C-alpha atoms as a PDB file:
ATOM      1  CA  UNK A   1      44.861 -80.485 109.621  1.00  0.00           C
ATOM      2  CA  UNK A   2      46.382 -77.414 110.229  1.00  0.00           C
ATOM      3  CA  UNK A   3      48.178 -78.347 107.267  1.00  0.00           C
ATOM      4  CA  UNK A   4      45.692 -79.397 104.459  1.00  0.00           C
ATOM      5  CA  UNK A   5      43.651 -76.001 105.448  1.00  0.00           C
ATOM      6  CA  UNK A   6      46.652 -74.509 104.635  1.00  0.00           C
ATOM      7  CA  UNK A   7      47.357 -76.109 101.386  1.00  0.00           C
ATOM      8  CA  UNK A   8      43.831 -75.690 100.492  1.00  0.00           C
ATOM      9  CA  UNK A   9      44.238 -72.044 101.514  1.00  0.00           C
ATOM     10  CA  UNK A  10      46.940 -71.308  99.055  1.00  0.00           C
ATOM     11  CA  UNK A  11      45.062 -73.296  96.036  1.00  0.00           C
ATOM     12  CA  UNK A  12      42.278 -70.679  96.464  1.00  0.00           C
ATOM     13  CA  UNK A  13      44.659 -68.116  96.314  1.00  0.00           C
ATOM     14  CA  UNK A  14      45.541 -69.227  93.335  1.00  0.00           C
ATOM     15  CA  UNK A  15      42.550 -69.993  91.675  1.00  0.00           C
ATOM     16  CA  UNK A  16      41.478 -66.307  92.722  1.00  0.00           C
ATOM     17  CA  UNK A  17      44.591 -64.665  91.034  1.00  0.00           C
ATOM     18  CA  UNK A  18      43.824 -67.053  88.304  1.00  0.00           C
ATOM     19  CA  UNK A  19      40.021 -66.042  88.056  1.00  0.00           C
ATOM     20  CA  UNK A  20      41.353 -62.427  88.033  1.00  0.00           C
ATOM     21  CA  UNK A  21      43.404 -62.741  85.316  1.00  0.00           C
ATOM     22  CA  UNK A  22      40.859 -64.302  82.981  1.00  0.00           C
ATOM     23  CA  UNK A  23      38.147 -61.797  83.724  1.00  0.00           C
ATOM     24  CA  UNK A  24      40.794 -59.088  83.041  1.00  0.00           C
ATOM     25  CA  UNK A  25      41.417 -60.740  79.672  1.00  0.00           C
ATOM     26  CA  UNK A  26      38.076 -61.367  79.030  1.00  0.00           C
ATOM     27  CA  UNK A  27      37.596 -57.288  80.364  1.00  0.00           C
ATOM     28  CA  UNK A  28      40.585 -56.362  77.695  1.00  0.00           C
ATOM     29  CA  UNK A  29      39.076 -58.669  75.120  1.00  0.00           C
ATOM     30  CA  UNK A  30      35.534 -57.038  75.531  1.00  0.00           C
ATOM     31  CA  UNK A  31      37.004 -53.390  75.405  1.00  0.00           C
ATOM     32  CA  UNK A  32      38.985 -54.342  72.160  1.00  0.00           C
ATOM     33  CA  UNK A  33      36.119 -55.947  70.596  1.00  0.00           C
ATOM     34  CA  UNK A  34      34.121 -52.808  71.354  1.00  0.00           C
ATOM     35  CA  UNK A  35      36.859 -50.366  70.139  1.00  0.00           C
ATOM     36  CA  UNK A  36      37.212 -52.190  67.140  1.00  0.00           C
ATOM     37  CA  UNK A  37      33.475 -51.864  66.427  1.00  0.00           C
ATOM     38  CA  UNK A  38      34.033 -48.188  67.544  1.00  0.00           C
ATOM     39  CA  UNK A  39      37.114 -47.621  64.992  1.00  0.00           C
ATOM     40  CA  UNK A  40      34.758 -49.564  62.376  1.00  0.00           C
ATOM     41  CA  UNK A  41      31.603 -47.740  62.395  1.00  0.00           C
ATOM     42  CA  UNK A  42      34.058 -44.444  62.849  1.00  0.00           C
ATOM     43  CA  UNK A  43      35.675 -45.699  59.766  1.00  0.00           C
ATOM     44  CA  UNK A  44      32.355 -46.343  57.710  1.00  0.00           C
ATOM     45  CA  UNK A  45      31.297 -43.122  58.805  1.00  0.00           C
ATOM     46  CA  UNK A  46      33.968 -41.268  57.652  1.00  0.00           C
ATOM     47  CA  UNK A  47      33.737 -43.206  54.669  1.00  0.00           C
ATOM     48  CA  UNK A  48      30.505 -42.048  54.329  1.00  0.00           C
ATOM     49  CA  UNK A  49      31.076 -38.672  55.135  1.00  0.00           C
ATOM     50  CA  UNK A  50      33.946 -38.527  52.240  1.00  0.00           C
ATOM     51  CA  UNK A  51      31.393 -39.817  49.646  1.00  0.00           C
ATOM     52  CA  UNK A  52      29.196 -37.338  50.751  1.00  0.00           C
ATOM     53  CA  UNK A  53      32.067 -34.518  50.268  1.00  0.00           C
ATOM     54  CA  UNK A  54      32.851 -35.293  47.041  1.00  0.00           C
ATOM     55  CA  UNK A  55      29.406 -35.855  45.759  1.00  0.00           C
ATOM     56  CA  UNK A  56      28.968 -32.349  47.240  1.00  0.00           C
ATOM     57  CA  UNK A  57      31.998 -30.489  46.108  1.00  0.00           C
ATOM     58  CA  UNK A  58      31.260 -32.589  42.662  1.00  0.00           C
ATOM     59  CA  UNK A  59      27.549 -31.383  42.713  1.00  0.00           C
ATOM     60  CA  UNK A  60      28.947 -27.884  43.375  1.00  0.00           C
ATOM     61  CA  UNK A  61      31.768 -27.863  40.580  1.00  0.00           C
ATOM     62  CA  UNK A  62      28.687 -28.959  38.064  1.00  0.00           C
ATOM     63  CA  UNK A  63      26.525 -25.835  39.351  1.00  0.00           C
ATOM     64  CA  UNK A  64      29.691 -23.694  39.284  1.00  0.00           C
ATOM     65  CA  UNK A  65      30.450 -24.781  35.642  1.00  0.00           C
ATOM     66  CA  UNK A  66      26.893 -24.797  34.253  1.00  0.00           C
ATOM     67  CA  UNK A  67      26.247 -21.104  35.516  1.00  0.00           C
ATOM     68  CA  UNK A  68      29.711 -19.959  33.931  1.00  0.00           C
ATOM     69  CA  UNK A  69      28.490 -21.703  30.907  1.00  0.00           C
ATOM     70  CA  UNK A  70      24.994 -20.332  30.923  1.00  0.00           C
ATOM     71  CA  UNK A  71      26.987 -16.480  31.756  1.00  0.00           C
ATOM     72  CA  UNK A  72      29.126 -16.741  28.911  1.00  0.00           C
ATOM     73  CA  UNK A  73      26.117 -17.906  26.300  1.00  0.00           C
ATOM     74  CA  UNK A  74      23.797 -15.006  28.049  1.00  0.00           C
ATOM     75  CA  UNK A  75      27.067 -12.592  27.160  1.00  0.00           C
ATOM     76  CA  UNK A  76      27.179 -14.130  23.771  1.00  0.00           C
ATOM     77  CA  UNK A  77      23.404 -13.660  23.295  1.00  0.00           C
ATOM     78  CA  UNK A  78      23.956  -9.981  24.161  1.00  0.00           C
ATOM     79  CA  UNK A  79      26.874  -9.188  21.926  1.00  0.00           C
ATOM     80  CA  UNK A  80      24.708 -11.031  19.253  1.00  0.00           C
ATOM     81  CA  UNK A  81      21.888  -8.616  20.144  1.00  0.00           C
ATOM     82  CA  UNK A  82      23.760  -5.573  20.119  1.00  0.00           C
ATOM     83  CA  UNK A  83      25.524  -6.742  16.524  1.00  0.00           C
ATOM     84  CA  UNK A  84      22.231  -7.638  15.299  1.00  0.00           C
ATOM     85  CA  UNK A  85      20.511  -4.389  16.810  1.00  0.00           C
ATOM     86  CA  UNK A  86      23.431  -2.129  14.822  1.00  0.00           C
ATOM     87  CA  UNK A  87      23.046  -4.217  11.671  1.00  0.00           C
ATOM     88  CA  UNK A  88      19.558  -3.833  11.734  1.00  0.00           C
ATOM     89  CA  UNK A  89      20.216   0.103  12.385  1.00  0.00           C
ATOM     90  CA  UNK A  90      22.418   0.004   9.285  1.00  0.00           C
ATOM     91  CA  UNK A  91      20.185  -1.736   7.129  1.00  0.00           C
ATOM     92  CA  UNK A  92      17.176   0.388   8.036  1.00  0.00           C
ATOM     93  CA  UNK A  93      19.298   3.087   7.319  1.00  0.00           C
ATOM     94  CA  UNK A  94      20.231   2.117   3.779  1.00  0.00           C
ATOM     95  CA  UNK A  95      16.748   1.487   2.713  1.00  0.00           C
ATOM     96  CA  UNK A  96      15.148   4.416   3.577  1.00  0.00           C
ATOM     97  CA  UNK A  97      17.725   6.233   1.913  1.00  0.00           C
ATOM     98  CA  UNK A  98      16.851   3.792  -0.965  1.00  0.00           C
ATOM     99  CA  UNK A  99      13.198   4.378  -0.425  1.00  0.00           C
ATOM    100  CA  UNK A 100      13.652   8.490  -0.619  1.00  0.00           C
ATOM    101  CA  UNK A 101      15.958   7.802  -3.749  1.00  0.00           C
ATOM    102  CA  UNK A 102      13.075   5.927  -5.183  1.00  0.00           C
ATOM    103  CA  UNK A 103      10.619   8.665  -4.116  1.00  0.00           C
ATOM    104  CA  UNK A 104      12.669  10.781  -5.921  1.00  0.00           C
ATOM    105  CA  UNK A 105      12.705   9.265  -9.171  1.00  0.00           C
ATOM    106  CA  UNK A 106       8.582  10.010  -9.350  1.00  0.00           C
ATOM    107  CA  UNK A 107       7.645  13.107 -10.483  1.00  0.00           C
ATOM    108  CA  UNK A 108       6.994  15.613  -8.094  1.00  0.00           C
ATOM    109  CA  UNK A 109       4.554  17.034  -9.846  1.00  0.00           C
ATOM    110  CA  UNK A 110       1.817  15.767 -12.474  1.00  0.00           C
ATOM    111  CA  UNK A 111       1.932  17.349 -15.801  1.00  0.00           C
ATOM    112  CA  UNK A 112      -0.334  19.782 -17.019  1.00  0.00           C
ATOM    113  CA  UNK A 113      -1.665  18.406 -20.601  1.00  0.00           C
ATOM    114  CA  UNK A 114      -4.443  20.221 -22.343  1.00  0.00           C
ATOM    115  CA  UNK A 115      -7.233  18.487 -22.692  1.00  0.00           C
ATOM    116  CA  UNK A 116      -6.241  15.957 -19.916  1.00  0.00           C
ATOM    117  CA  UNK A 117      -6.562  15.021 -16.377  1.00  0.00           C
ATOM    118  CA  UNK A 118      -4.319  12.803 -14.693  1.00  0.00           C
ATOM    119  CA  UNK A 119      -3.914  11.251 -11.399  1.00  0.00           C
ATOM    120  CA  UNK A 120      -1.068   8.896 -10.481  1.00  0.00           C
ATOM    121  CA  UNK A 121      -0.133   6.721  -7.329  1.00  0.00           C
ATOM    122  CA  UNK A 122       2.022   4.305  -6.095  1.00  0.00           C
ATOM    123  CA  UNK A 123       1.959   2.774  -2.940  1.00  0.00           C
ATOM    124  CA  UNK A 124       5.213   0.317  -2.575  1.00  0.00           C
ATOM    125  CA  UNK A 125       4.633  -3.530  -0.285  1.00  0.00           C
ATOM    126  CA  UNK A 126       8.049  -2.823   1.204  1.00  0.00           C
ATOM    127  CA  UNK A 127      10.484   0.060   2.155  1.00  0.00           C
ATOM    128  CA  UNK A 128      11.630  -0.372  -1.014  1.00  0.00           C
ATOM    129  CA  UNK A 129       9.626  -1.376  -4.014  1.00  0.00           C
ATOM    130  CA  UNK A 130      10.039  -2.736  -7.393  1.00  0.00           C
ATOM    131  CA  UNK A 131       7.247  -0.049  -9.147  1.00  0.00           C
ATOM    132  CA  UNK A 132       7.690   2.894 -11.134  1.00  0.00           C
ATOM    133  CA  UNK A 133       5.514   5.206 -13.196  1.00  0.00           C
ATOM    134  CA  UNK A 134       6.898   8.675 -15.122  1.00  0.00           C
ATOM    135  CA  UNK A 135       5.861  11.295 -17.327  1.00  0.00           C
ATOM    136  CA  UNK A 136       7.560  13.514 -20.334  1.00  0.00           C
ATOM    137  CA  UNK A 137       6.247  16.173 -22.583  1.00  0.00           C
ATOM    138  CA  UNK A 138       7.337  15.475 -25.780  1.00  0.00           C
ATOM    139  CA  UNK A 139       8.906  18.224 -28.275  1.00  0.00           C
ATOM    140  CA  UNK A 140       6.008  17.326 -30.689  1.00  0.00           C
ATOM    141  CA  UNK A 141       3.377  18.255 -28.193  1.00  0.00           C
ATOM    142  CA  UNK A 142       2.428  14.705 -26.979  1.00  0.00           C
ATOM    143  CA  UNK A 143       2.223  13.375 -23.741  1.00  0.00           C
ATOM    144  CA  UNK A 144       4.551   9.933 -22.871  1.00  0.00           C
ATOM    145  CA  UNK A 145       3.386   7.938 -20.129  1.00  0.00           C
ATOM    146  CA  UNK A 146       5.426   5.055 -18.515  1.00  0.00           C
ATOM    147  CA  UNK A 147       4.447   2.438 -15.980  1.00  0.00           C
ATOM    148  CA  UNK A 148       6.524  -0.153 -14.848  1.00  0.00           C
ATOM    149  CA  UNK A 149       7.216  -3.517 -12.325  1.00  0.00           C
ATOM    150  CA  UNK A 150      10.700  -4.397 -11.558  1.00  0.00           C
ATOM    151  CA  UNK A 151      11.127  -8.272 -10.825  1.00  0.00           C
ATOM    152  CA  UNK A 152      10.963  -8.898  -6.719  1.00  0.00           C
ATOM    153  CA  UNK A 153      11.663  -5.767  -3.995  1.00  0.00           C
ATOM    154  CA  UNK A 154      13.873  -4.431  -2.111  1.00  0.00           C
ATOM    155  CA  UNK A 155      17.555  -2.528  -3.470  1.00  0.00           C
ATOM    156  CA  UNK A 156      17.844  -5.163  -6.427  1.00  0.00           C
ATOM    157  CA  UNK A 157      14.675  -3.659  -7.428  1.00  0.00           C
ATOM    158  CA  UNK A 158      14.999   0.099  -6.866  1.00  0.00           C
ATOM    159  CA  UNK A 159      18.457  -0.246  -8.594  1.00  0.00           C
ATOM    160  CA  UNK A 160      16.728  -1.618 -11.642  1.00  0.00           C
ATOM    161  CA  UNK A 161      14.111   1.344 -11.317  1.00  0.00           C
ATOM    162  CA  UNK A 162      16.300   3.787 -11.024  1.00  0.00           C
ATOM    163  CA  UNK A 163      18.079   2.341 -14.328  1.00  0.00           C
ATOM    164  CA  UNK A 164      14.708   2.477 -16.320  1.00  0.00           C
ATOM    165  CA  UNK A 165      14.337   6.338 -14.848  1.00  0.00           C
ATOM    166  CA  UNK A 166      17.198   7.089 -16.643  1.00  0.00           C
ATOM    167  CA  UNK A 167      16.557   5.222 -20.066  1.00  0.00           C
ATOM    168  CA  UNK A 168      13.324   6.841 -20.072  1.00  0.00           C
ATOM    169  CA  UNK A 169      14.566  10.173 -19.928  1.00  0.00           C
ATOM    170  CA  UNK A 170      16.917   9.477 -22.721  1.00  0.00           C
ATOM    171  CA  UNK A 171      14.361   7.596 -25.062  1.00  0.00           C
ATOM    172  CA  UNK A 172      10.864   9.641 -23.938  1.00  0.00           C
ATOM    173  CA  UNK A 173      11.031  11.666 -27.272  1.00  0.00           C
ATOM    174  CA  UNK A 174      11.796   8.781 -29.404  1.00  0.00           C
ATOM    175  CA  UNK A 175       8.490   8.561 -31.797  1.00  0.00           C
ATOM    176  CA  UNK A 176       8.370   5.183 -32.366  1.00  0.00           C
ATOM    177  CA  UNK A 177       7.208   2.971 -29.010  1.00  0.00           C
ATOM    178  CA  UNK A 178       8.529  -0.604 -30.024  1.00  0.00           C
ATOM    179  CA  UNK A 179      11.678   1.182 -30.884  1.00  0.00           C
ATOM    180  CA  UNK A 180      11.853   3.019 -27.247  1.00  0.00           C
ATOM    181  CA  UNK A 181      11.312  -0.341 -25.819  1.00  0.00           C
ATOM    182  CA  UNK A 182      13.996  -2.148 -28.121  1.00  0.00           C
ATOM    183  CA  UNK A 183      16.511   0.211 -26.894  1.00  0.00           C
ATOM    184  CA  UNK A 184      15.665   0.250 -23.492  1.00  0.00           C
ATOM    185  CA  UNK A 185      15.666  -3.658 -23.092  1.00  0.00           C
ATOM    186  CA  UNK A 186      18.938  -3.822 -24.986  1.00  0.00           C
ATOM    187  CA  UNK A 187      20.505  -0.831 -22.564  1.00  0.00           C
ATOM    188  CA  UNK A 188      19.572  -3.296 -19.395  1.00  0.00           C
ATOM    189  CA  UNK A 189      20.600  -6.276 -21.029  1.00  0.00           C
ATOM    190  CA  UNK A 190      24.683  -4.515 -21.069  1.00  0.00           C
ATOM    191  CA  UNK A 191      24.100  -3.797 -17.611  1.00  0.00           C
ATOM    192  CA  UNK A 192      23.981  -7.199 -16.502  1.00  0.00           C
ATOM    193  CA  UNK A 193      21.669  -7.477 -13.726  1.00  0.00           C
ATOM    194  CA  UNK A 194      21.603 -10.891 -13.383  1.00  0.00           C
ATOM    195  CA  UNK A 195      17.807 -11.496 -13.864  1.00  0.00           C
ATOM    196  CA  UNK A 196      16.299  -8.412 -13.346  1.00  0.00           C
ATOM    197  CA  UNK A 197      14.063  -7.551 -15.312  1.00  0.00           C
ATOM    198  CA  UNK A 198      11.132  -4.767 -15.867  1.00  0.00           C
ATOM    199  CA  UNK A 199       8.088  -5.050 -17.497  1.00  0.00           C
ATOM    200  CA  UNK A 200       7.080  -1.639 -18.961  1.00  0.00           C
ATOM    201  CA  UNK A 201       4.378  -0.125 -20.546  1.00  0.00           C
ATOM    202  CA  UNK A 202       4.732   3.365 -22.795  1.00  0.00           C
ATOM    203  CA  UNK A 203       2.161   5.128 -24.609  1.00  0.00           C
ATOM    204  CA  UNK A 204       1.958   8.689 -25.979  1.00  0.00           C
ATOM    205  CA  UNK A 205      -1.134  10.629 -25.971  1.00  0.00           C
ATOM    206  CA  UNK A 206      -1.482  13.209 -28.853  1.00  0.00           C
ATOM    207  CA  UNK A 207      -4.132  14.715 -29.881  1.00  0.00           C
ATOM    208  CA  UNK A 208      -7.484  12.197 -29.808  1.00  0.00           C
ATOM    209  CA  UNK A 209      -5.392   8.947 -29.876  1.00  0.00           C
ATOM    210  CA  UNK A 210      -3.812   6.775 -28.055  1.00  0.00           C
ATOM    211  CA  UNK A 211      -0.480   4.891 -28.793  1.00  0.00           C
ATOM    212  CA  UNK A 212       0.723   2.414 -26.639  1.00  0.00           C
ATOM    213  CA  UNK A 213       3.395  -0.760 -26.237  1.00  0.00           C
ATOM    214  CA  UNK A 214       3.857  -2.816 -23.555  1.00  0.00           C
ATOM    215  CA  UNK A 215       6.569  -5.504 -22.203  1.00  0.00           C
ATOM    216  CA  UNK A 216       5.582  -8.027 -20.005  1.00  0.00           C
ATOM    217  CA  UNK A 217       2.386  -5.646 -18.079  1.00  0.00           C
ATOM    218  CA  UNK A 218      -1.043  -6.407 -17.486  1.00  0.00           C
ATOM    219  CA  UNK A 219      -3.544  -4.915 -20.224  1.00  0.00           C
ATOM    220  CA  UNK A 220      -4.578  -1.252 -20.152  1.00  0.00           C
ATOM    221  CA  UNK A 221      -8.211  -0.509 -19.979  1.00  0.00           C
ATOM    222  CA  UNK A 222     -10.352   2.341 -21.717  1.00  0.00           C
ATOM    223  CA  UNK A 223     -13.647   3.630 -20.165  1.00  0.00           C
ATOM    224  CA  UNK A 224     -15.472   4.571 -23.200  1.00  0.00           C
ATOM    225  CA  UNK A 225     -17.571   7.113 -22.145  1.00  0.00           C
ATOM    226  CA  UNK A 226     -20.342   7.066 -25.006  1.00  0.00           C
ATOM    227  CA  UNK A 227     -21.257   3.598 -24.411  1.00  0.00           C
ATOM    228  CA  UNK A 228     -20.501   2.940 -21.037  1.00  0.00           C
ATOM    229  CA  UNK A 229     -18.180  -0.303 -21.577  1.00  0.00           C
ATOM    230  CA  UNK A 230     -14.957  -1.280 -21.166  1.00  0.00           C
ATOM    231  CA  UNK A 231     -12.387  -2.209 -23.951  1.00  0.00           C
ATOM    232  CA  UNK A 232      -9.009  -3.664 -23.054  1.00  0.00           C
ATOM    233  CA  UNK A 233      -5.731  -3.690 -25.036  1.00  0.00           C
ATOM    234  CA  UNK A 234      -3.626  -6.678 -24.582  1.00  0.00           C
ATOM    235  CA  UNK A 235      -0.194  -6.912 -25.280  1.00  0.00           C
ATOM    236  CA  UNK A 236       1.927  -9.845 -24.814  1.00  0.00           C
ATOM    237  CA  UNK A 237       5.298  -9.509 -24.946  1.00  0.00           C
ATOM    238  CA  UNK A 238       8.966 -10.617 -22.483  1.00  0.00           C
ATOM    239  CA  UNK A 239       9.890  -7.930 -19.885  1.00  0.00           C
ATOM    240  CA  UNK A 240      12.574  -5.751 -20.679  1.00  0.00           C
ATOM    241  CA  UNK A 241      16.301  -7.166 -20.038  1.00  0.00           C
ATOM    242  CA  UNK A 242      14.698 -10.452 -20.802  1.00  0.00           C
ATOM    243  CA  UNK A 243      15.325 -10.940 -24.995  1.00  0.00           C
ATOM    244  CA  UNK A 244      17.525  -8.558 -26.249  1.00  0.00           C
ATOM    245  CA  UNK A 245      15.821  -9.027 -30.304  1.00  0.00           C
ATOM    246  CA  UNK A 246      12.209  -9.317 -29.150  1.00  0.00           C
ATOM    247  CA  UNK A 247      10.340  -7.367 -31.590  1.00  0.00           C
ATOM    248  CA  UNK A 248       7.839  -5.094 -29.401  1.00  0.00           C
ATOM    249  CA  UNK A 249       5.222  -3.677 -31.680  1.00  0.00           C
ATOM    250  CA  UNK A 250       2.295  -0.469 -30.149  1.00  0.00           C
ATOM    251  CA  UNK A 251      -1.511  -0.132 -30.639  1.00  0.00           C
ATOM    252  CA  UNK A 252      -2.974   2.665 -31.611  1.00  0.00           C
ATOM    253  CA  UNK A 253      -6.678   3.258 -30.464  1.00  0.00           C
ATOM    254  CA  UNK A 254      -9.012   6.576 -30.723  1.00  0.00           C
ATOM    255  CA  UNK A 255      -9.787   8.545 -27.561  1.00  0.00           C
ATOM    256  CA  UNK A 256     -12.859  10.241 -27.289  1.00  0.00           C
ATOM    257  CA  UNK A 257     -14.582  13.211 -24.548  1.00  0.00           C
ATOM    258  CA  UNK A 258     -14.727  11.534 -21.444  1.00  0.00           C
ATOM    259  CA  UNK A 259     -12.833   8.765 -22.306  1.00  0.00           C
ATOM    260  CA  UNK A 260     -10.833   7.192 -19.392  1.00  0.00           C
ATOM    261  CA  UNK A 261      -7.043   5.413 -19.969  1.00  0.00           C
ATOM    262  CA  UNK A 262      -6.038   3.128 -16.965  1.00  0.00           C
ATOM    263  CA  UNK A 263      -2.868   1.529 -16.797  1.00  0.00           C
ATOM    264  CA  UNK A 264      -1.865  -0.014 -13.990  1.00  0.00           C
ATOM    265  CA  UNK A 265       0.830  -2.714 -12.137  1.00  0.00           C
ATOM    266  CA  UNK A 266      -0.346  -6.216 -11.142  1.00  0.00           C
ATOM    267  CA  UNK A 267      -0.751  -4.754  -7.648  1.00  0.00           C
ATOM    268  CA  UNK A 268      -4.401  -4.549  -7.400  1.00  0.00           C
ATOM    269  CA  UNK A 269      -5.401  -7.553  -9.768  1.00  0.00           C
ATOM    270  CA  UNK A 270      -3.324  -9.686  -7.723  1.00  0.00           C
ATOM    271  CA  UNK A 271      -3.672  -8.282  -4.383  1.00  0.00           C
ATOM    272  CA  UNK A 272      -4.343 -11.049  -1.812  1.00  0.00           C
ATOM    273  CA  UNK A 273      -7.013 -10.987   0.946  1.00  0.00           C
ATOM    274  CA  UNK A 274      -7.056 -12.895   4.778  1.00  0.00           C
ATOM    275  CA  UNK A 275      -8.707 -16.306   2.670  1.00  0.00           C
ATOM    276  CA  UNK A 276      -5.584 -15.288  -0.146  1.00  0.00           C
ATOM    277  CA  UNK A 277      -8.063 -14.691  -2.746  1.00  0.00           C
ATOM    278  CA  UNK A 278      -7.142 -12.434  -5.457  1.00  0.00           C
ATOM    279  CA  UNK A 279     -10.199  -9.709  -7.457  1.00  0.00           C
ATOM    280  CA  UNK A 280      -8.643 -10.440 -10.774  1.00  0.00           C
ATOM    281  CA  UNK A 281      -8.616  -8.138 -13.675  1.00  0.00           C
ATOM    282  CA  UNK A 282     -12.489  -9.033 -13.778  1.00  0.00           C
ATOM    283  CA  UNK A 283     -13.236  -6.889 -10.442  1.00  0.00           C
ATOM    284  CA  UNK A 284     -10.774  -3.738 -12.191  1.00  0.00           C
ATOM    285  CA  UNK A 285     -12.908  -3.606 -15.266  1.00  0.00           C
ATOM    286  CA  UNK A 286     -16.087  -3.849 -13.150  1.00  0.00           C
ATOM    287  CA  UNK A 287     -14.445  -1.303 -10.770  1.00  0.00           C
ATOM    288  CA  UNK A 288     -14.016   1.090 -13.673  1.00  0.00           C
ATOM    289  CA  UNK A 289     -16.802   1.070 -15.427  1.00  0.00           C
ATOM    290  CA  UNK A 290     -18.642   1.865 -11.935  1.00  0.00           C
ATOM    291  CA  UNK A 291     -16.334   4.746 -11.462  1.00  0.00           C
ATOM    292  CA  UNK A 292     -15.394   6.062 -15.097  1.00  0.00           C
ATOM    293  CA  UNK A 293     -17.980   8.710 -15.121  1.00  0.00           C
ATOM    294  CA  UNK A 294     -16.089  10.660 -12.263  1.00  0.00           C
ATOM    295  CA  UNK A 295     -13.015  12.855 -12.668  1.00  0.00           C
ATOM    296  CA  UNK A 296      -9.442  11.050 -12.519  1.00  0.00           C
ATOM    297  CA  UNK A 297      -8.611  11.714  -9.214  1.00  0.00           C
ATOM    298  CA  UNK A 298     -11.786  10.224  -8.153  1.00  0.00           C
ATOM    299  CA  UNK A 299     -11.436   6.974 -10.256  1.00  0.00           C
ATOM    300  CA  UNK A 300      -7.979   6.724  -8.817  1.00  0.00           C
ATOM    301  CA  UNK A 301      -9.239   6.907  -5.060  1.00  0.00           C
ATOM    302  CA  UNK A 302     -12.215   4.774  -5.762  1.00  0.00           C
ATOM    303  CA  UNK A 303      -9.247   1.861  -6.921  1.00  0.00           C
ATOM    304  CA  UNK A 304      -7.003   2.522  -3.981  1.00  0.00           C
ATOM    305  CA  UNK A 305     -10.157   2.233  -1.566  1.00  0.00           C
ATOM    306  CA  UNK A 306     -11.662  -0.456  -3.183  1.00  0.00           C
ATOM    307  CA  UNK A 307      -8.433  -2.255  -2.923  1.00  0.00           C
ATOM    308  CA  UNK A 308      -7.949  -1.752   0.439  1.00  0.00           C
ATOM    309  CA  UNK A 309     -11.801  -2.740   1.459  1.00  0.00           C
ATOM    310  CA  UNK A 310     -10.638  -6.015  -0.400  1.00  0.00           C
ATOM    311  CA  UNK A 311      -7.413  -6.725   1.384  1.00  0.00           C
ATOM    312  CA  UNK A 312      -9.039  -5.969   4.854  1.00  0.00           C
ATOM    313  CA  UNK A 313      -6.832  -6.593   7.291  1.00  0.00           C
ATOM    314  CA  UNK A 314      -4.070  -8.410   5.108  1.00  0.00           C
ATOM    315  CA  UNK A 315      -1.037  -6.752   4.461  1.00  0.00           C
ATOM    316  CA  UNK A 316      -0.111  -5.744   1.403  1.00  0.00           C
ATOM    317  CA  UNK A 317       2.254  -8.471  -0.732  1.00  0.00           C
ATOM    318  CA  UNK A 318       2.651  -6.360  -3.668  1.00  0.00           C
ATOM    319  CA  UNK A 319       3.452  -3.084  -4.805  1.00  0.00           C
ATOM    320  CA  UNK A 320       0.093  -1.010  -6.154  1.00  0.00           C
ATOM    321  CA  UNK A 321       0.667   1.289  -8.905  1.00  0.00           C
ATOM    322  CA  UNK A 322      -2.172   3.586 -11.110  1.00  0.00           C
ATOM    323  CA  UNK A 323      -1.778   5.991 -13.568  1.00  0.00           C
ATOM    324  CA  UNK A 324      -5.763   7.523 -14.927  1.00  0.00           C
ATOM    325  CA  UNK A 325      -5.659   9.542 -17.918  1.00  0.00           C
ATOM    326  CA  UNK A 326      -9.032  10.886 -18.299  1.00  0.00           C
ATOM    327  CA  UNK A 327      -9.990  12.991 -21.544  1.00  0.00           C
ATOM    328  CA  UNK A 328     -11.593  16.136 -20.668  1.00  0.00           C
ATOM    329  CA  UNK A 329     -15.405  16.227 -22.563  1.00  0.00           C
ATOM    330  CA  UNK A 330     -15.360  20.032 -23.294  1.00  0.00           C
ATOM    331  CA  UNK A 331     -12.173  18.437 -25.779  1.00  0.00           C
END
């Protein structure tokens, strides 16, 4: 019996050791599994953090690149703006010089001519316009008048006006007005101004006669003091510098006491208002008929005022030039 108990006790010890071993192995396995899970979770978390860090780094790099590109673009724009401002200043200075040159080409004073009162006006639409007027007292006692309109505006038109001024001074004493225009157009053609043309009217007042020739300019208007009617002198011809062989001719009319001669560029009849409407030549006739009894200066002021009233707030779209000659009533 005692031996049986001893054997049983030894078996219990072995069983307890086995149980302990199994429990230990289970504990080790549980810890390993837990550690493996923790390691897996940590690895996954580290991978997510690495992805986030990479994304943040890429976003930061992209943001820094955009900021650098923006700085370069702003610096480029500032450089362009500085260059543009410098060019604008240079252009403005050149235009001002050209404007002063053009203004210097106009008569500084109006001519004094017995029996006539004279008024003139020119307002360019830009810094340098293409309109021109001039006077010359002839050796034969006549007064020669020129009024012109170059194609376009700006420096190119100003250069054509300068050439025309020189030619007018050279040919003003030419008695034949058609020949004067022919000589002028030949000279302009030789300058090779490349599609720059000059419309020009020249007129001579001598005693009670007006002789007039034109090259592509608007008609001349004459207010007849005796009848209060308006005569219109239309001369259709090519502008100067276009056709060298064009046969320019002159028209000869009589002037009486109180008569008014109106010469103008197309700036008044073609001046646009806000609705892009133009007054036309009929309005010029009406204004001259209404003002013809006044002095030359008052007639001129009336035309300038009427043109401005017509245009309103619309910008001036072309050069405006007038020459008004009135025969004194006591002549």
